[in-house]
Structure formats: structure tokens, C-alpha cells
Amino acid sequence: DLTRQVRLSTEEQAKGSKQITQAVEHVTDRVQHIASAVREQRKGSEVIMRSAEEIQLVSKDSASVAQQMSEIVGGLVTQAETLRAEVNRFKVA
């Protein structure tokens, strides 16, 4: 009877160990999937960050060009006013 109890106990332990092993393997698989997803998210975040930096640079360049254009237009307006004044001097009344 003791032999039978030892055998049943050993079988239960083996069954429990197998279940634990399967659970650990499942958890390990899930952890690997999570780690892979985190790596992919990091790559995506890096792409977004680089794109945002590029957009910022383009915005700065656009603002600089707009400022230059404003200065050029201001100069042209001044020249046009000067030219109009000069032309008006030669008008016959």
C-alpha cells in the first residue's frame, strides 16, 4: 500500500511539474512577444521623432524664407514709391 501511495504521489508530482513547465514556457513565449512589440514600438517612435525634427527644421527654414521675402517686398515697395515720385516729376501738367 505504501508503494502505491509513493507511485501516486510521484505521478502527481510529475503531472504538476509538467503543468508548471508548460506554464513557464507559455509565459516565456508571451514575454518574448512583448519584447518584440516593444522593439517595434521603439523603432516607430524613433521614426516619428526624426520626422518631427525634420518638420521643425523645414518650419524654421520656411520662417526664414518668409522673413527674407518680407524684407525683399519691403525693398521693392520702397523702390516703387521712389520710382513713382521720379516719374511724377516728369509728368507734363
N, C-alpha and C. Protein backbone atom coordinates (compact mmCIF):
# COMPACT_ATOMS: atom_id res chain seq x y z
N ASP A 1 0.82 -1.19 0.00
CA ASP A 1 0.00 0.00 0.00
C ASP A 1 0.87 1.26 0.00
N LEU A 2 1.98 1.22 0.71
CA LEU A 2 2.91 2.35 0.72
C LEU A 2 3.51 2.57 -0.66
N THR A 3 3.81 1.51 -1.35
CA THR A 3 4.37 1.60 -2.69
C THR A 3 3.39 2.29 -3.62
N ARG A 4 2.16 1.95 -3.49
CA ARG A 4 1.12 2.55 -4.32
C ARG A 4 0.99 4.05 -4.02
N GLN A 5 1.02 4.43 -2.78
CA GLN A 5 0.93 5.84 -2.39
C GLN A 5 2.14 6.63 -2.93
N VAL A 6 3.31 5.99 -2.85
CA VAL A 6 4.52 6.65 -3.37
C VAL A 6 4.40 6.83 -4.87
N ARG A 7 3.91 5.80 -5.56
CA ARG A 7 3.75 5.87 -7.01
C ARG A 7 2.74 6.96 -7.39
N LEU A 8 1.60 7.00 -6.71
CA LEU A 8 0.58 8.01 -6.99
C LEU A 8 1.13 9.42 -6.70
N SER A 9 1.85 9.55 -5.62
CA SER A 9 2.44 10.83 -5.28
C SER A 9 3.45 11.26 -6.33
N THR A 10 4.26 10.33 -6.80
CA THR A 10 5.26 10.62 -7.82
C THR A 10 4.57 11.02 -9.13
N GLU A 11 3.50 10.33 -9.48
CA GLU A 11 2.76 10.68 -10.69
C GLU A 11 2.16 12.08 -10.59
N GLU A 12 1.62 12.41 -9.40
CA GLU A 12 1.05 13.74 -9.20
C GLU A 12 2.14 14.81 -9.32
N GLN A 13 3.29 14.52 -8.74
CA GLN A 13 4.40 15.47 -8.82
C GLN A 13 4.85 15.65 -10.26
N ALA A 14 4.92 14.55 -11.01
CA ALA A 14 5.32 14.62 -12.41
C ALA A 14 4.29 15.44 -13.21
N LYS A 15 3.01 15.19 -12.93
CA LYS A 15 1.95 15.93 -13.62
C LYS A 15 2.04 17.42 -13.27
N GLY A 16 2.23 17.73 -12.01
CA GLY A 16 2.37 19.12 -11.57
C GLY A 16 3.59 19.78 -12.18
N SER A 17 4.70 19.04 -12.23
CA SER A 17 5.92 19.59 -12.83
C SER A 17 5.71 19.87 -14.31
N LYS A 18 5.00 18.99 -15.00
CA LYS A 18 4.72 19.19 -16.42
C LYS A 18 3.86 20.43 -16.62
N GLN A 19 2.85 20.62 -15.77
CA GLN A 19 1.99 21.80 -15.87
C GLN A 19 2.79 23.08 -15.60
N ILE A 20 3.66 23.02 -14.62
CA ILE A 20 4.50 24.19 -14.32
C ILE A 20 5.41 24.49 -15.49
N THR A 21 6.01 23.46 -16.08
CA THR A 21 6.89 23.65 -17.22
C THR A 21 6.13 24.28 -18.39
N GLN A 22 4.93 23.79 -18.65
CA GLN A 22 4.12 24.33 -19.74
C GLN A 22 3.75 25.79 -19.46
N ALA A 23 3.41 26.09 -18.22
CA ALA A 23 3.05 27.46 -17.87
C ALA A 23 4.25 28.38 -18.03
N VAL A 24 5.42 27.93 -17.60
CA VAL A 24 6.64 28.73 -17.74
C VAL A 24 6.95 28.96 -19.22
N GLU A 25 6.79 27.92 -20.03
CA GLU A 25 7.03 28.07 -21.47
C GLU A 25 6.05 29.07 -22.08
N HIS A 26 4.80 29.02 -21.65
CA HIS A 26 3.78 29.96 -22.15
C HIS A 26 4.14 31.39 -21.75
N VAL A 27 4.52 31.57 -20.49
CA VAL A 27 4.89 32.91 -20.02
C VAL A 27 6.12 33.40 -20.77
N THR A 28 7.09 32.54 -20.98
CA THR A 28 8.30 32.91 -21.71
C THR A 28 7.94 33.34 -23.13
N ASP A 29 7.05 32.62 -23.77
CA ASP A 29 6.61 32.97 -25.12
C ASP A 29 5.93 34.34 -25.13
N ARG A 30 5.07 34.59 -24.16
CA ARG A 30 4.38 35.89 -24.07
C ARG A 30 5.39 37.02 -23.85
N VAL A 31 6.37 36.78 -22.98
CA VAL A 31 7.39 37.80 -22.70
C VAL A 31 8.18 38.11 -23.97
N GLN A 32 8.50 37.08 -24.74
CA GLN A 32 9.23 37.30 -25.99
C GLN A 32 8.39 38.11 -26.98
N HIS A 33 7.10 37.84 -27.04
CA HIS A 33 6.21 38.62 -27.92
C HIS A 33 6.14 40.08 -27.47
N ILE A 34 6.06 40.27 -26.16
CA ILE A 34 6.00 41.64 -25.63
C ILE A 34 7.30 42.37 -25.95
N ALA A 35 8.44 41.69 -25.74
CA ALA A 35 9.74 42.32 -26.03
C ALA A 35 9.84 42.69 -27.50
N SER A 36 9.34 41.83 -28.37
CA SER A 36 9.36 42.12 -29.81
C SER A 36 8.47 43.33 -30.12
N ALA A 37 7.31 43.38 -29.51
CA ALA A 37 6.41 44.52 -29.75
C ALA A 37 7.03 45.82 -29.24
N VAL A 38 7.71 45.77 -28.11
CA VAL A 38 8.37 46.97 -27.57
C VAL A 38 9.46 47.44 -28.52
N ARG A 39 10.22 46.49 -29.08
CA ARG A 39 11.27 46.88 -30.05
C ARG A 39 10.66 47.55 -31.27
N GLU A 40 9.56 47.02 -31.76
CA GLU A 40 8.89 47.61 -32.92
C GLU A 40 8.36 49.01 -32.58
N GLN A 41 7.80 49.16 -31.40
CA GLN A 41 7.30 50.48 -30.99
C GLN A 41 8.45 51.47 -30.89
N ARG A 42 9.59 51.02 -30.37
CA ARG A 42 10.75 51.90 -30.25
C ARG A 42 11.19 52.37 -31.63
N LYS A 43 11.23 51.44 -32.59
CA LYS A 43 11.61 51.82 -33.95
C LYS A 43 10.63 52.85 -34.52
N GLY A 44 9.34 52.60 -34.32
CA GLY A 44 8.33 53.53 -34.80
C GLY A 44 8.46 54.90 -34.14
N SER A 45 8.73 54.90 -32.85
CA SER A 45 8.90 56.17 -32.13
C SER A 45 10.11 56.93 -32.65
N GLU A 46 11.17 56.21 -32.96
CA GLU A 46 12.37 56.86 -33.50
C GLU A 46 12.08 57.50 -34.86
N VAL A 47 11.31 56.81 -35.69
CA VAL A 47 10.94 57.36 -37.00
C VAL A 47 10.09 58.62 -36.81
N ILE A 48 9.14 58.56 -35.89
CA ILE A 48 8.28 59.72 -35.64
C ILE A 48 9.11 60.89 -35.12
N MET A 49 10.06 60.60 -34.23
CA MET A 49 10.90 61.66 -33.68
C MET A 49 11.75 62.31 -34.76
N ARG A 50 12.34 61.49 -35.64
CA ARG A 50 13.14 62.05 -36.74
C ARG A 50 12.27 62.89 -37.66
N SER A 51 11.06 62.41 -37.94
CA SER A 51 10.15 63.18 -38.80
C SER A 51 9.78 64.51 -38.16
N ALA A 52 9.52 64.50 -36.86
CA ALA A 52 9.19 65.74 -36.16
C ALA A 52 10.36 66.71 -36.21
N GLU A 53 11.57 66.20 -36.06
CA GLU A 53 12.75 67.07 -36.14
C GLU A 53 12.89 67.67 -37.54
N GLU A 54 12.63 66.87 -38.57
CA GLU A 54 12.69 67.37 -39.94
C GLU A 54 11.63 68.43 -40.18
N ILE A 55 10.43 68.20 -39.65
CA ILE A 55 9.36 69.18 -39.80
C ILE A 55 9.75 70.49 -39.11
N GLN A 56 10.37 70.38 -37.95
CA GLN A 56 10.81 71.57 -37.23
C GLN A 56 11.84 72.34 -38.05
N LEU A 57 12.78 71.62 -38.67
CA LEU A 57 13.78 72.29 -39.49
C LEU A 57 13.15 72.97 -40.70
N VAL A 58 12.22 72.29 -41.34
CA VAL A 58 11.53 72.87 -42.50
C VAL A 58 10.75 74.11 -42.07
N SER A 59 10.12 74.04 -40.91
CA SER A 59 9.37 75.20 -40.41
C SER A 59 10.30 76.38 -40.17
N LYS A 60 11.45 76.11 -39.57
CA LYS A 60 12.42 77.18 -39.34
C LYS A 60 12.89 77.78 -40.66
N ASP A 61 13.20 76.90 -41.63
CA ASP A 61 13.62 77.37 -42.95
C ASP A 61 12.53 78.20 -43.60
N SER A 62 11.28 77.74 -43.50
CA SER A 62 10.16 78.47 -44.09
C SER A 62 10.00 79.84 -43.45
N ALA A 63 10.15 79.89 -42.14
CA ALA A 63 10.04 81.18 -41.45
C ALA A 63 11.16 82.11 -41.89
N SER A 64 12.35 81.58 -42.07
CA SER A 64 13.48 82.39 -42.51
C SER A 64 13.24 82.91 -43.92
N VAL A 65 12.76 82.05 -44.80
CA VAL A 65 12.47 82.45 -46.18
C VAL A 65 11.36 83.50 -46.18
N ALA A 66 10.34 83.31 -45.37
CA ALA A 66 9.25 84.28 -45.31
C ALA A 66 9.77 85.64 -44.84
N GLN A 67 10.67 85.64 -43.86
CA GLN A 67 11.25 86.90 -43.39
C GLN A 67 12.04 87.57 -44.50
N GLN A 68 12.84 86.79 -45.24
CA GLN A 68 13.62 87.34 -46.35
C GLN A 68 12.69 87.91 -47.42
N MET A 69 11.63 87.17 -47.73
CA MET A 69 10.67 87.64 -48.74
C MET A 69 10.02 88.95 -48.28
N SER A 70 9.70 89.04 -47.00
CA SER A 70 9.10 90.26 -46.47
C SER A 70 10.05 91.43 -46.63
N GLU A 71 11.32 91.21 -46.34
CA GLU A 71 12.31 92.27 -46.49
C GLU A 71 12.47 92.67 -47.95
N ILE A 72 12.46 91.68 -48.85
CA ILE A 72 12.58 91.97 -50.29
C ILE A 72 11.38 92.77 -50.77
N VAL A 73 10.18 92.35 -50.38
CA VAL A 73 8.96 93.06 -50.78
C VAL A 73 8.98 94.48 -50.24
N GLY A 74 9.42 94.64 -48.99
CA GLY A 74 9.53 95.98 -48.42
C GLY A 74 10.47 96.85 -49.24
N GLY A 75 11.59 96.27 -49.66
CA GLY A 75 12.54 97.00 -50.50
C GLY A 75 11.93 97.35 -51.85
N LEU A 76 11.21 96.42 -52.43
CA LEU A 76 10.56 96.69 -53.72
C LEU A 76 9.51 97.78 -53.60
N VAL A 77 8.76 97.78 -52.51
CA VAL A 77 7.75 98.82 -52.30
C VAL A 77 8.44 100.18 -52.22
N THR A 78 9.53 100.23 -51.46
CA THR A 78 10.28 101.49 -51.34
C THR A 78 10.78 101.94 -52.71
N GLN A 79 11.33 101.02 -53.50
CA GLN A 79 11.83 101.37 -54.83
C GLN A 79 10.69 101.82 -55.74
N ALA A 80 9.54 101.16 -55.63
CA ALA A 80 8.38 101.53 -56.46
C ALA A 80 7.90 102.93 -56.10
N GLU A 81 7.89 103.25 -54.82
CA GLU A 81 7.48 104.59 -54.40
C GLU A 81 8.46 105.65 -54.90
N THR A 82 9.75 105.31 -54.82
CA THR A 82 10.77 106.24 -55.33
C THR A 82 10.61 106.44 -56.83
N LEU A 83 10.40 105.35 -57.55
CA LEU A 83 10.22 105.43 -58.99
C LEU A 83 8.98 106.24 -59.34
N ARG A 84 7.88 106.02 -58.62
CA ARG A 84 6.65 106.77 -58.87
C ARG A 84 6.89 108.26 -58.66
N ALA A 85 7.60 108.59 -57.63
CA ALA A 85 7.91 110.01 -57.34
C ALA A 85 8.75 110.60 -58.47
N GLU A 86 9.71 109.85 -58.97
CA GLU A 86 10.57 110.33 -60.06
C GLU A 86 9.77 110.50 -61.34
N VAL A 87 8.89 109.53 -61.63
CA VAL A 87 8.07 109.62 -62.84
C VAL A 87 7.13 110.81 -62.74
N ASN A 88 6.55 111.03 -61.59
CA ASN A 88 5.62 112.18 -61.39
C ASN A 88 6.34 113.50 -61.62
N ARG A 89 7.61 113.56 -61.36
CA ARG A 89 8.36 114.80 -61.60
C ARG A 89 8.41 115.15 -63.08
N PHE A 90 8.37 114.12 -63.93
CA PHE A 90 8.48 114.37 -65.36
C PHE A 90 7.13 114.47 -66.05
N LYS A 91 6.06 114.35 -65.32
CA LYS A 91 4.74 114.44 -65.93
C LYS A 91 4.48 115.88 -66.35
N VAL A 92 3.86 116.00 -67.53
CA VAL A 92 3.51 117.32 -68.04
C VAL A 92 2.11 117.65 -67.51
N ALA A 93 2.01 118.80 -66.97
CA ALA A 93 0.73 119.17 -66.39
C ALA A 93 -0.15 119.86 -67.40
